[in-house]
Amino acid sequence: PLRGMCPDEHIICKPQSLYRLTPAEKEVARLYLRGETFGTIAQLLGKSPSTVKQQLWKLKNKLGAKNCREIIRVLRIHNI
């Protein structure tokens, strides 16, 4: 599902699945980018922390990211 590495950022460029994020995943991503913790995100959205972790794990896989730092880079590059 990947299109290649961005030479300047050393992350995945334009993952094909980027636009298949669910509204819930987008909301979790937005709060995660703000620097909120799993617990805080869970409280704000009325979910359990394990649900938030699972949504971030799915988000990481959809974006082709290797870790949480890469999730943030990809989301910022694509203005999610």
PDB file of N, CA and C in Angstrom:
ATOM      1  N   PRO A   1       0.809  -1.209   0.000  1.00  0.00           N
ATOM      2  CA  PRO A   1       0.000   0.000   0.000  1.00  0.00           C
ATOM      3  C   PRO A   1       0.848   1.268   0.000  1.00  0.00           C
ATOM      4  N   LEU A   2       2.164   1.139  -0.100  1.00  0.00           N
ATOM      5  CA  LEU A   2       3.029   2.300   0.028  1.00  0.00           C
ATOM      6  C   LEU A   2       3.512   2.759  -1.337  1.00  0.00           C
ATOM      7  N   ARG A   3       3.826   4.024  -1.436  1.00  0.00           N
ATOM      8  CA  ARG A   3       4.273   4.579  -2.710  1.00  0.00           C
ATOM      9  C   ARG A   3       5.752   4.932  -2.701  1.00  0.00           C
ATOM     10  N   GLY A   4       6.432   4.844  -1.588  1.00  0.00           N
ATOM     11  CA  GLY A   4       7.858   5.137  -1.553  1.00  0.00           C
ATOM     12  C   GLY A   4       8.237   6.020  -0.387  1.00  0.00           C
ATOM     13  N   MET A   5       9.525   6.214  -0.236  1.00  0.00           N
ATOM     14  CA  MET A   5      10.038   7.018   0.865  1.00  0.00           C
ATOM     15  C   MET A   5      10.267   8.451   0.408  1.00  0.00           C
ATOM     16  N   CYS A   6       9.929   9.418   1.277  1.00  0.00           N
ATOM     17  CA  CYS A   6      10.236  10.819   0.999  1.00  0.00           C
ATOM     18  C   CYS A   6      11.720  11.012   1.276  1.00  0.00           C
ATOM     19  N   PRO A   7      12.499  11.462   0.310  1.00  0.00           N
ATOM     20  CA  PRO A   7      13.938  11.560   0.504  1.00  0.00           C
ATOM     21  C   PRO A   7      14.352  12.525   1.609  1.00  0.00           C
ATOM     22  N   ASP A   8      13.611  13.618   1.804  1.00  0.00           N
ATOM     23  CA  ASP A   8      13.994  14.604   2.812  1.00  0.00           C
ATOM     24  C   ASP A   8      13.525  14.253   4.210  1.00  0.00           C
ATOM     25  N   GLU A   9      12.441  13.528   4.312  1.00  0.00           N
ATOM     26  CA  GLU A   9      11.846  13.232   5.608  1.00  0.00           C
ATOM     27  C   GLU A   9      12.150  11.823   6.098  1.00  0.00           C
ATOM     28  N   HIS A  10      12.556  10.942   5.203  1.00  0.00           N
ATOM     29  CA  HIS A  10      12.825   9.544   5.538  1.00  0.00           C
ATOM     30  C   HIS A  10      11.599   8.858   6.120  1.00  0.00           C
ATOM     31  N   ILE A  11      10.437   9.207   5.578  1.00  0.00           N
ATOM     32  CA  ILE A  11       9.183   8.562   5.965  1.00  0.00           C
ATOM     33  C   ILE A  11       8.422   8.208   4.695  1.00  0.00           C
ATOM     34  N   ILE A  12       7.349   7.484   4.852  1.00  0.00           N
ATOM     35  CA  ILE A  12       6.545   7.053   3.726  1.00  0.00           C
ATOM     36  C   ILE A  12       5.861   8.254   3.078  1.00  0.00           C
ATOM     37  N   CYS A  13       5.988   8.385   1.759  1.00  0.00           N
ATOM     38  CA  CYS A  13       5.311   9.442   1.015  1.00  0.00           C
ATOM     39  C   CYS A  13       3.952   8.950   0.531  1.00  0.00           C
ATOM     40  N   LYS A  14       2.950   9.738   0.779  1.00  0.00           N
ATOM     41  CA  LYS A  14       1.613   9.490   0.257  1.00  0.00           C
ATOM     42  C   LYS A  14       1.155   8.046   0.381  1.00  0.00           C
ATOM     43  N   PRO A  15       1.025   7.542   1.589  1.00  0.00           N
ATOM     44  CA  PRO A  15       0.490   6.177   1.704  1.00  0.00           C
ATOM     45  C   PRO A  15      -0.872   6.107   1.030  1.00  0.00           C
ATOM     46  N   GLN A  16      -1.135   5.062   0.293  1.00  0.00           N
ATOM     47  CA  GLN A  16      -2.404   4.933  -0.414  1.00  0.00           C
ATOM     48  C   GLN A  16      -3.590   4.913   0.540  1.00  0.00           C
ATOM     49  N   SER A  17      -3.381   4.402   1.726  1.00  0.00           N
ATOM     50  CA  SER A  17      -4.483   4.263   2.674  1.00  0.00           C
ATOM     51  C   SER A  17      -4.748   5.531   3.475  1.00  0.00           C
ATOM     52  N   LEU A  18      -4.006   6.605   3.212  1.00  0.00           N
ATOM     53  CA  LEU A  18      -4.137   7.828   4.000  1.00  0.00           C
ATOM     54  C   LEU A  18      -5.568   8.347   4.032  1.00  0.00           C
ATOM     55  N   TYR A  19      -6.282   8.237   2.954  1.00  0.00           N
ATOM     56  CA  TYR A  19      -7.620   8.784   2.888  1.00  0.00           C
ATOM     57  C   TYR A  19      -8.692   7.787   3.312  1.00  0.00           C
ATOM     58  N   ARG A  20      -8.289   6.657   3.848  1.00  0.00           N
ATOM     59  CA  ARG A  20      -9.253   5.670   4.330  1.00  0.00           C
ATOM     60  C   ARG A  20      -9.382   5.698   5.853  1.00  0.00           C
ATOM     61  N   LEU A  21      -8.943   6.771   6.458  1.00  0.00           N
ATOM     62  CA  LEU A  21      -9.050   6.881   7.914  1.00  0.00           C
ATOM     63  C   LEU A  21     -10.507   7.108   8.289  1.00  0.00           C
ATOM     64  N   THR A  22     -10.930   6.433   9.340  1.00  0.00           N
ATOM     65  CA  THR A  22     -12.293   6.628   9.812  1.00  0.00           C
ATOM     66  C   THR A  22     -12.387   7.975  10.528  1.00  0.00           C
ATOM     67  N   PRO A  23     -13.594   8.510  10.672  1.00  0.00           N
ATOM     68  CA  PRO A  23     -13.743   9.757  11.424  1.00  0.00           C
ATOM     69  C   PRO A  23     -13.198   9.634  12.854  1.00  0.00           C
ATOM     70  N   ALA A  24     -13.388   8.469  13.473  1.00  0.00           N
ATOM     71  CA  ALA A  24     -12.887   8.257  14.835  1.00  0.00           C
ATOM     72  C   ALA A  24     -11.358   8.282  14.858  1.00  0.00           C
ATOM     73  N   GLU A  25     -10.728   7.655  13.860  1.00  0.00           N
ATOM     74  CA  GLU A  25      -9.263   7.653  13.784  1.00  0.00           C
ATOM     75  C   GLU A  25      -8.737   9.073  13.551  1.00  0.00           C
ATOM     76  N   LYS A  26      -9.431   9.840  12.724  1.00  0.00           N
ATOM     77  CA  LYS A  26      -9.023  11.226  12.482  1.00  0.00           C
ATOM     78  C   LYS A  26      -9.113  12.055  13.752  1.00  0.00           C
ATOM     79  N   GLU A  27     -10.157  11.838  14.529  1.00  0.00           N
ATOM     80  CA  GLU A  27     -10.327  12.581  15.789  1.00  0.00           C
ATOM     81  C   GLU A  27      -9.229  12.208  16.784  1.00  0.00           C
ATOM     82  N   VAL A  28      -8.943  10.922  16.909  1.00  0.00           N
ATOM     83  CA  VAL A  28      -7.864  10.478  17.799  1.00  0.00           C
ATOM     84  C   VAL A  28      -6.537  11.061  17.318  1.00  0.00           C
ATOM     85  N   ALA A  29      -6.300  11.046  16.006  1.00  0.00           N
ATOM     86  CA  ALA A  29      -5.062  11.596  15.443  1.00  0.00           C
ATOM     87  C   ALA A  29      -4.934  13.081  15.748  1.00  0.00           C
ATOM     88  N   ARG A  30      -6.027  13.813  15.605  1.00  0.00           N
ATOM     89  CA  ARG A  30      -6.000  15.257  15.872  1.00  0.00           C
ATOM     90  C   ARG A  30      -5.609  15.547  17.322  1.00  0.00           C
ATOM     91  N   LEU A  31      -6.202  14.798  18.246  1.00  0.00           N
ATOM     92  CA  LEU A  31      -5.887  14.990  19.666  1.00  0.00           C
ATOM     93  C   LEU A  31      -4.468  14.524  19.984  1.00  0.00           C
ATOM     94  N   TYR A  32      -4.033  13.457  19.351  1.00  0.00           N
ATOM     95  CA  TYR A  32      -2.674  12.943  19.558  1.00  0.00           C
ATOM     96  C   TYR A  32      -1.648  13.967  19.079  1.00  0.00           C
ATOM     97  N   LEU A  33      -1.935  14.624  17.962  1.00  0.00           N
ATOM     98  CA  LEU A  33      -1.047  15.667  17.446  1.00  0.00           C
ATOM     99  C   LEU A  33      -0.977  16.860  18.392  1.00  0.00           C
ATOM    100  N   ARG A  34      -2.044  17.099  19.119  1.00  0.00           N
ATOM    101  CA  ARG A  34      -2.052  18.186  20.111  1.00  0.00           C
ATOM    102  C   ARG A  34      -1.199  17.855  21.322  1.00  0.00           C
ATOM    103  N   GLY A  35      -0.774  16.588  21.414  1.00  0.00           N
ATOM    104  CA  GLY A  35       0.067  16.185  22.535  1.00  0.00           C
ATOM    105  C   GLY A  35      -0.684  15.546  23.684  1.00  0.00           C
ATOM    106  N   GLU A  36      -1.944  15.201  23.455  1.00  0.00           N
ATOM    107  CA  GLU A  36      -2.749  14.576  24.508  1.00  0.00           C
ATOM    108  C   GLU A  36      -2.315  13.132  24.731  1.00  0.00           C
ATOM    109  N   THR A  37      -2.454  12.657  25.957  1.00  0.00           N
ATOM    110  CA  THR A  37      -2.121  11.270  26.299  1.00  0.00           C
ATOM    111  C   THR A  37      -3.292  10.356  25.962  1.00  0.00           C
ATOM    112  N   PHE A  38      -3.025   9.033  25.974  1.00  0.00           N
ATOM    113  CA  PHE A  38      -4.094   8.062  25.732  1.00  0.00           C
ATOM    114  C   PHE A  38      -5.251   8.292  26.700  1.00  0.00           C
ATOM    115  N   GLY A  39      -4.915   8.490  27.955  1.00  0.00           N
ATOM    116  CA  GLY A  39      -5.939   8.680  28.985  1.00  0.00           C
ATOM    117  C   GLY A  39      -6.775   9.920  28.750  1.00  0.00           C
ATOM    118  N   THR A  40      -6.123  11.011  28.398  1.00  0.00           N
ATOM    119  CA  THR A  40      -6.844  12.256  28.144  1.00  0.00           C
ATOM    120  C   THR A  40      -7.714  12.145  26.905  1.00  0.00           C
ATOM    121  N   ILE A  41      -7.173  11.545  25.851  1.00  0.00           N
ATOM    122  CA  ILE A  41      -7.951  11.348  24.626  1.00  0.00           C
ATOM    123  C   ILE A  41      -9.177  10.499  24.928  1.00  0.00           C
ATOM    124  N   ALA A  42      -8.971   9.447  25.705  1.00  0.00           N
ATOM    125  CA  ALA A  42     -10.080   8.558  26.074  1.00  0.00           C
ATOM    126  C   ALA A  42     -11.162   9.332  26.825  1.00  0.00           C
ATOM    127  N   GLN A  43     -10.762  10.166  27.781  1.00  0.00           N
ATOM    128  CA  GLN A  43     -11.736  10.952  28.547  1.00  0.00           C
ATOM    129  C   GLN A  43     -12.486  11.926  27.640  1.00  0.00           C
ATOM    130  N   LEU A  44     -11.749  12.624  26.773  1.00  0.00           N
ATOM    131  CA  LEU A  44     -12.373  13.611  25.896  1.00  0.00           C
ATOM    132  C   LEU A  44     -13.376  12.983  24.928  1.00  0.00           C
ATOM    133  N   LEU A  45     -13.073  11.765  24.491  1.00  0.00           N
ATOM    134  CA  LEU A  45     -13.934  11.103  23.509  1.00  0.00           C
ATOM    135  C   LEU A  45     -14.899  10.100  24.118  1.00  0.00           C
ATOM    136  N   GLY A  46     -14.818   9.888  25.429  1.00  0.00           N
ATOM    137  CA  GLY A  46     -15.700   8.942  26.093  1.00  0.00           C
ATOM    138  C   GLY A  46     -15.400   7.498  25.733  1.00  0.00           C
ATOM    139  N   LYS A  47     -14.114   7.200  25.560  1.00  0.00           N
ATOM    140  CA  LYS A  47     -13.677   5.847  25.206  1.00  0.00           C
ATOM    141  C   LYS A  47     -12.718   5.343  26.264  1.00  0.00           C
ATOM    142  N   SER A  48     -12.399   4.063  26.191  1.00  0.00           N
ATOM    143  CA  SER A  48     -11.401   3.518  27.108  1.00  0.00           C
ATOM    144  C   SER A  48     -10.013   3.786  26.530  1.00  0.00           C
ATOM    145  N   PRO A  49      -8.982   3.889  27.393  1.00  0.00           N
ATOM    146  CA  PRO A  49      -7.619   4.085  26.905  1.00  0.00           C
ATOM    147  C   PRO A  49      -7.175   2.960  25.959  1.00  0.00           C
ATOM    148  N   SER A  50      -7.643   1.735  26.194  1.00  0.00           N
ATOM    149  CA  SER A  50      -7.253   0.631  25.307  1.00  0.00           C
ATOM    150  C   SER A  50      -7.860   0.800  23.910  1.00  0.00           C
ATOM    151  N   THR A  51      -9.056   1.376  23.822  1.00  0.00           N
ATOM    152  CA  THR A  51      -9.661   1.651  22.517  1.00  0.00           C
ATOM    153  C   THR A  51      -8.847   2.699  21.770  1.00  0.00           C
ATOM    154  N   VAL A  52      -8.407   3.727  22.487  1.00  0.00           N
ATOM    155  CA  VAL A  52      -7.591   4.774  21.879  1.00  0.00           C
ATOM    156  C   VAL A  52      -6.266   4.190  21.389  1.00  0.00           C
ATOM    157  N   LYS A  53      -5.638   3.353  22.204  1.00  0.00           N
ATOM    158  CA  LYS A  53      -4.384   2.705  21.787  1.00  0.00           C
ATOM    159  C   LYS A  53      -4.593   1.873  20.532  1.00  0.00           C
ATOM    160  N   GLN A  54      -5.700   1.137  20.484  1.00  0.00           N
ATOM    161  CA  GLN A  54      -5.995   0.295  19.327  1.00  0.00           C
ATOM    162  C   GLN A  54      -6.227   1.149  18.081  1.00  0.00           C
ATOM    163  N   GLN A  55      -6.915   2.275  18.227  1.00  0.00           N
ATOM    164  CA  GLN A  55      -7.139   3.152  17.081  1.00  0.00           C
ATOM    165  C   GLN A  55      -5.825   3.751  16.585  1.00  0.00           C
ATOM    166  N   LEU A  56      -4.929   4.102  17.495  1.00  0.00           N
ATOM    167  CA  LEU A  56      -3.622   4.618  17.075  1.00  0.00           C
ATOM    168  C   LEU A  56      -2.794   3.530  16.404  1.00  0.00           C
ATOM    169  N   TRP A  57      -2.916   2.301  16.885  1.00  0.00           N
ATOM    170  CA  TRP A  57      -2.205   1.177  16.260  1.00  0.00           C
ATOM    171  C   TRP A  57      -2.700   0.976  14.826  1.00  0.00           C
ATOM    172  N   LYS A  58      -4.032   1.038  14.631  1.00  0.00           N
ATOM    173  CA  LYS A  58      -4.603   0.908  13.291  1.00  0.00           C
ATOM    174  C   LYS A  58      -4.160   2.069  12.401  1.00  0.00           C
ATOM    175  N   LEU A  59      -4.146   3.255  12.969  1.00  0.00           N
ATOM    176  CA  LEU A  59      -3.699   4.439  12.250  1.00  0.00           C
ATOM    177  C   LEU A  59      -2.249   4.280  11.800  1.00  0.00           C
ATOM    178  N   LYS A  60      -1.417   3.785  12.703  1.00  0.00           N
ATOM    179  CA  LYS A  60       0.001   3.559  12.390  1.00  0.00           C
ATOM    180  C   LYS A  60       0.131   2.592  11.220  1.00  0.00           C
ATOM    181  N   ASN A  61      -0.625   1.527  11.235  1.00  0.00           N
ATOM    182  CA  ASN A  61      -0.573   0.544  10.150  1.00  0.00           C
ATOM    183  C   ASN A  61      -1.078   1.118   8.831  1.00  0.00           C
ATOM    184  N   LYS A  62      -2.164   1.879   8.883  1.00  0.00           N
ATOM    185  CA  LYS A  62      -2.711   2.466   7.664  1.00  0.00           C
ATOM    186  C   LYS A  62      -1.751   3.462   7.033  1.00  0.00           C
ATOM    187  N   LEU A  63      -1.028   4.192   7.868  1.00  0.00           N
ATOM    188  CA  LEU A  63      -0.094   5.191   7.370  1.00  0.00           C
ATOM    189  C   LEU A  63       1.244   4.580   6.964  1.00  0.00           C
ATOM    190  N   GLY A  64       1.484   3.341   7.371  1.00  0.00           N
ATOM    191  CA  GLY A  64       2.765   2.710   7.077  1.00  0.00           C
ATOM    192  C   GLY A  64       3.875   3.239   7.963  1.00  0.00           C
ATOM    193  N   ALA A  65       3.509   3.797   9.108  1.00  0.00           N
ATOM    194  CA  ALA A  65       4.486   4.355  10.040  1.00  0.00           C
ATOM    195  C   ALA A  65       5.111   3.242  10.879  1.00  0.00           C
ATOM    196  N   LYS A  66       6.352   3.475  11.291  1.00  0.00           N
ATOM    197  CA  LYS A  66       7.056   2.481  12.099  1.00  0.00           C
ATOM    198  C   LYS A  66       6.884   2.724  13.594  1.00  0.00           C
ATOM    199  N   ASN A  67       6.608   3.973  13.967  1.00  0.00           N
ATOM    200  CA  ASN A  67       6.482   4.302  15.387  1.00  0.00           C
ATOM    201  C   ASN A  67       5.605   5.541  15.551  1.00  0.00           C
ATOM    202  N   CYS A  68       5.393   5.946  16.781  1.00  0.00           N
ATOM    203  CA  CYS A  68       4.507   7.073  17.069  1.00  0.00           C
ATOM    204  C   CYS A  68       5.061   8.385  16.512  1.00  0.00           C
ATOM    205  N   ARG A  69       6.360   8.549  16.555  1.00  0.00           N
ATOM    206  CA  ARG A  69       6.975   9.765  16.032  1.00  0.00           C
ATOM    207  C   ARG A  69       6.705   9.897  14.527  1.00  0.00           C
ATOM    208  N   GLU A  70       6.762   8.783  13.831  1.00  0.00           N
ATOM    209  CA  GLU A  70       6.511   8.785  12.389  1.00  0.00           C
ATOM    210  C   GLU A  70       5.036   9.062  12.085  1.00  0.00           C
ATOM    211  N   ILE A  71       4.139   8.600  12.960  1.00  0.00           N
ATOM    212  CA  ILE A  71       2.711   8.920  12.804  1.00  0.00           C
ATOM    213  C   ILE A  71       2.552  10.435  12.778  1.00  0.00           C
ATOM    214  N   ILE A  72       3.182  11.100  13.722  1.00  0.00           N
ATOM    215  CA  ILE A  72       3.073  12.554  13.832  1.00  0.00           C
ATOM    216  C   ILE A  72       3.617  13.228  12.580  1.00  0.00           C
ATOM    217  N   ARG A  73       4.760  12.783  12.101  1.00  0.00           N
ATOM    218  CA  ARG A  73       5.344  13.387  10.888  1.00  0.00           C
ATOM    219  C   ARG A  73       4.416  13.242   9.689  1.00  0.00           C
ATOM    220  N   VAL A  74       3.909  12.034   9.483  1.00  0.00           N
ATOM    221  CA  VAL A  74       3.040  11.786   8.327  1.00  0.00           C
ATOM    222  C   VAL A  74       1.771  12.620   8.436  1.00  0.00           C
ATOM    223  N   LEU A  75       1.175  12.685   9.612  1.00  0.00           N
ATOM    224  CA  LEU A  75      -0.057  13.450   9.790  1.00  0.00           C
ATOM    225  C   LEU A  75       0.187  14.937   9.557  1.00  0.00           C
ATOM    226  N   ARG A  76       1.310  15.445  10.023  1.00  0.00           N
ATOM    227  CA  ARG A  76       1.625  16.871   9.808  1.00  0.00           C
ATOM    228  C   ARG A  76       1.888  17.179   8.343  1.00  0.00           C
ATOM    229  N   ILE A  77       2.591  16.295   7.666  1.00  0.00           N
ATOM    230  CA  ILE A  77       2.886  16.509   6.257  1.00  0.00           C
ATOM    231  C   ILE A  77       1.600  16.573   5.440  1.00  0.00           C
ATOM    232  N   HIS A  78       0.616  15.747   5.800  1.00  0.00           N
ATOM    233  CA  HIS A  78      -0.626  15.675   5.038  1.00  0.00           C
ATOM    234  C   HIS A  78      -1.758  16.488   5.662  1.00  0.00           C
ATOM    235  N   ASN A  79      -1.420  17.319   6.650  1.00  0.00           N
ATOM    236  CA  ASN A  79      -2.399  18.222   7.284  1.00  0.00           C
ATOM    237  C   ASN A  79      -3.659  17.527   7.765  1.00  0.00           C
ATOM    238  N   ILE A  80      -3.473  16.437   8.480  1.00  0.00           N
ATOM    239  CA  ILE A  80      -4.625  15.714   9.030  1.00  0.00           C
ATOM    240  C   ILE A  80      -4.924  16.298  10.394  1.00  0.00           C
TER     241      ILE A  80
END
